[in-house]
Every structure is written in structure tokens, then in C-alpha cells.
Amino acid sequence: MGLVLWELMFQLIQFHKKVIKRTKSNSLDNYAGLGFQLVAFVIALVYVGDWADSYFKTEPIFLLSGVFLAVFGVIYMLIIKFK
């Protein structure tokens, strides 16, 4: 399951790079949805981690993995966006 999460994270990063390349101007509309994207990304990874914990009957292993992936993913997205 951990490999699936890493693959999902890799695919999301690749998709985000493609979106950033298409919208590289510094207009306000490019930043309007950034907060929603970041919150949705965090909620999605936390939810997936919680679901994986309940499915595999583990305690907070996948939940914590989801939280850490979300934090580092958000930092990465912000660095790419404001580069």
C-alpha cells in the first residue's frame, strides 16, 4: 500500500508540474485557487491514510504517512508555484 501512495504522490507531482508550465504568468487568477488546492490535497491524503489504517487494521501508521506526505507535498507545491 505504501508503494501505491508513493506512486499516487509521484503522479500528482507530475500533473502539477504540467499545470504550472501552462500557467506560468503572475496574474492574480493563478493564485486564486491555490488555497483550495492545498487544503484539498491535505484532506485527500489524510483521508486516504485514515482509510488505509482502517482497512489494514493498523493504528496511525498510514494516517501519519498521509499527514507527512501532505505537508511535504504542500511545501513542494508552494516552492514550485512561487519559483
C-alpha atoms as a PDB file:
ATOM      1  CA  MET A   1       0.000   0.000   0.000  1.00  0.00           C
ATOM      2  CA  GLY A   2       2.911   2.330   0.704  1.00  0.00           C
ATOM      3  CA  LEU A   3       4.159   1.876  -2.844  1.00  0.00           C
ATOM      4  CA  VAL A   4       0.721   2.813  -4.164  1.00  0.00           C
ATOM      5  CA  LEU A   5       0.778   6.019  -2.108  1.00  0.00           C
ATOM      6  CA  TRP A   6       4.233   6.907  -3.427  1.00  0.00           C
ATOM      7  CA  GLU A   7       3.067   6.275  -6.991  1.00  0.00           C
ATOM      8  CA  LEU A   8      -0.012   8.443  -6.410  1.00  0.00           C
ATOM      9  CA  MET A   9       2.172  11.207  -4.987  1.00  0.00           C
ATOM     10  CA  PHE A  10       4.517  10.963  -7.985  1.00  0.00           C
ATOM     11  CA  GLN A  11       1.604  11.172 -10.429  1.00  0.00           C
ATOM     12  CA  LEU A  12       0.174  14.212  -8.612  1.00  0.00           C
ATOM     13  CA  ILE A  13       3.546  15.965  -8.740  1.00  0.00           C
ATOM     14  CA  GLN A  14       3.919  15.248 -12.460  1.00  0.00           C
ATOM     15  CA  PHE A  15       0.419  16.562 -13.127  1.00  0.00           C
ATOM     16  CA  HIS A  16       1.101  19.657 -11.038  1.00  0.00           C
ATOM     17  CA  LYS A  17       4.318  20.346 -12.992  1.00  0.00           C
ATOM     18  CA  LYS A  18       2.351  20.229 -16.250  1.00  0.00           C
ATOM     19  CA  VAL A  19      -0.263  22.632 -14.873  1.00  0.00           C
ATOM     20  CA  ILE A  20       2.421  25.028 -13.621  1.00  0.00           C
ATOM     21  CA  LYS A  21       4.137  25.059 -17.016  1.00  0.00           C
ATOM     22  CA  ARG A  22       0.866  26.018 -18.699  1.00  0.00           C
ATOM     23  CA  THR A  23       0.046  28.806 -16.220  1.00  0.00           C
ATOM     24  CA  LYS A  24       3.391  30.499 -15.538  1.00  0.00           C
ATOM     25  CA  SER A  25       2.191  34.144 -15.579  1.00  0.00           C
ATOM     26  CA  ASN A  26       1.980  36.042 -12.290  1.00  0.00           C
ATOM     27  CA  SER A  27      -1.622  37.174 -12.571  1.00  0.00           C
ATOM     28  CA  LEU A  28      -3.972  37.073  -9.600  1.00  0.00           C
ATOM     29  CA  ASP A  29      -6.227  34.401 -11.080  1.00  0.00           C
ATOM     30  CA  ASN A  30      -3.360  31.888 -10.978  1.00  0.00           C
ATOM     31  CA  TYR A  31      -3.177  32.274  -7.195  1.00  0.00           C
ATOM     32  CA  ALA A  32      -6.916  32.379  -6.532  1.00  0.00           C
ATOM     33  CA  GLY A  33      -7.353  28.606  -6.322  1.00  0.00           C
ATOM     34  CA  LEU A  34      -4.053  27.871  -4.596  1.00  0.00           C
ATOM     35  CA  GLY A  35      -5.548  27.754  -1.095  1.00  0.00           C
ATOM     36  CA  PHE A  36      -8.269  25.370  -2.197  1.00  0.00           C
ATOM     37  CA  GLN A  37      -5.725  23.117  -3.920  1.00  0.00           C
ATOM     38  CA  LEU A  38      -3.550  22.958  -0.824  1.00  0.00           C
ATOM     39  CA  VAL A  39      -6.435  22.220   1.538  1.00  0.00           C
ATOM     40  CA  ALA A  40      -7.916  19.615  -0.807  1.00  0.00           C
ATOM     41  CA  PHE A  41      -4.517  17.927  -1.150  1.00  0.00           C
ATOM     42  CA  VAL A  42      -4.065  17.707   2.624  1.00  0.00           C
ATOM     43  CA  ILE A  43      -7.610  16.453   3.253  1.00  0.00           C
ATOM     44  CA  ALA A  44      -7.319  13.843   0.491  1.00  0.00           C
ATOM     45  CA  LEU A  45      -4.046  12.392   1.790  1.00  0.00           C
ATOM     46  CA  VAL A  46      -5.239  12.367   5.399  1.00  0.00           C
ATOM     47  CA  TYR A  47      -8.463  10.646   4.350  1.00  0.00           C
ATOM     48  CA  VAL A  48      -6.555   8.033   2.312  1.00  0.00           C
ATOM     49  CA  GLY A  49      -4.238   7.408   5.267  1.00  0.00           C
ATOM     50  CA  ASP A  50      -7.176   7.006   7.645  1.00  0.00           C
ATOM     51  CA  TRP A  51      -8.932   4.671   5.227  1.00  0.00           C
ATOM     52  CA  ALA A  52      -5.780   2.559   4.821  1.00  0.00           C
ATOM     53  CA  ASP A  53      -5.420   2.301   8.616  1.00  0.00           C
ATOM     54  CA  SER A  54      -8.970   1.080   8.986  1.00  0.00           C
ATOM     55  CA  TYR A  55      -8.627  -1.338   6.050  1.00  0.00           C
ATOM     56  CA  PHE A  56      -5.352  -2.913   7.192  1.00  0.00           C
ATOM     57  CA  LYS A  57      -6.254  -2.669  10.897  1.00  0.00           C
ATOM     58  CA  THR A  58      -3.123  -0.689  11.733  1.00  0.00           C
ATOM     59  CA  GLU A  59      -3.009   2.196  14.132  1.00  0.00           C
ATOM     60  CA  PRO A  60      -1.846   5.605  12.911  1.00  0.00           C
ATOM     61  CA  ILE A  61       0.876   4.385  10.521  1.00  0.00           C
ATOM     62  CA  PHE A  62      -0.844   5.304   7.258  1.00  0.00           C
ATOM     63  CA  LEU A  63      -2.546   8.343   8.765  1.00  0.00           C
ATOM     64  CA  LEU A  64       0.800   9.756   9.846  1.00  0.00           C
ATOM     65  CA  SER A  65       2.287   8.864   6.470  1.00  0.00           C
ATOM     66  CA  GLY A  66      -0.546  10.753   4.798  1.00  0.00           C
ATOM     67  CA  VAL A  67      -0.007  13.772   7.019  1.00  0.00           C
ATOM     68  CA  PHE A  68       3.742  13.861   6.326  1.00  0.00           C
ATOM     69  CA  LEU A  69       3.225  13.356   2.595  1.00  0.00           C
ATOM     70  CA  ALA A  70       0.657  16.149   2.611  1.00  0.00           C
ATOM     71  CA  VAL A  71       2.953  18.556   4.456  1.00  0.00           C
ATOM     72  CA  PHE A  72       5.911  17.888   2.179  1.00  0.00           C
ATOM     73  CA  GLY A  73       3.665  17.899  -0.887  1.00  0.00           C
ATOM     74  CA  VAL A  74       2.221  21.288   0.051  1.00  0.00           C
ATOM     75  CA  ILE A  75       5.700  22.706   0.652  1.00  0.00           C
ATOM     76  CA  TYR A  76       6.792  21.362  -2.728  1.00  0.00           C
ATOM     77  CA  MET A  77       3.736  22.801  -4.464  1.00  0.00           C
ATOM     78  CA  LEU A  78       4.373  26.211  -2.891  1.00  0.00           C
ATOM     79  CA  ILE A  79       8.033  26.194  -3.892  1.00  0.00           C
ATOM     80  CA  ILE A  80       7.134  25.308  -7.473  1.00  0.00           C
ATOM     81  CA  LYS A  81       4.329  27.874  -7.613  1.00  0.00           C
ATOM     82  CA  PHE A  82       6.366  30.793  -6.277  1.00  0.00           C
ATOM     83  CA  LYS A  83       9.609  29.912  -8.044  1.00  0.00           C
END
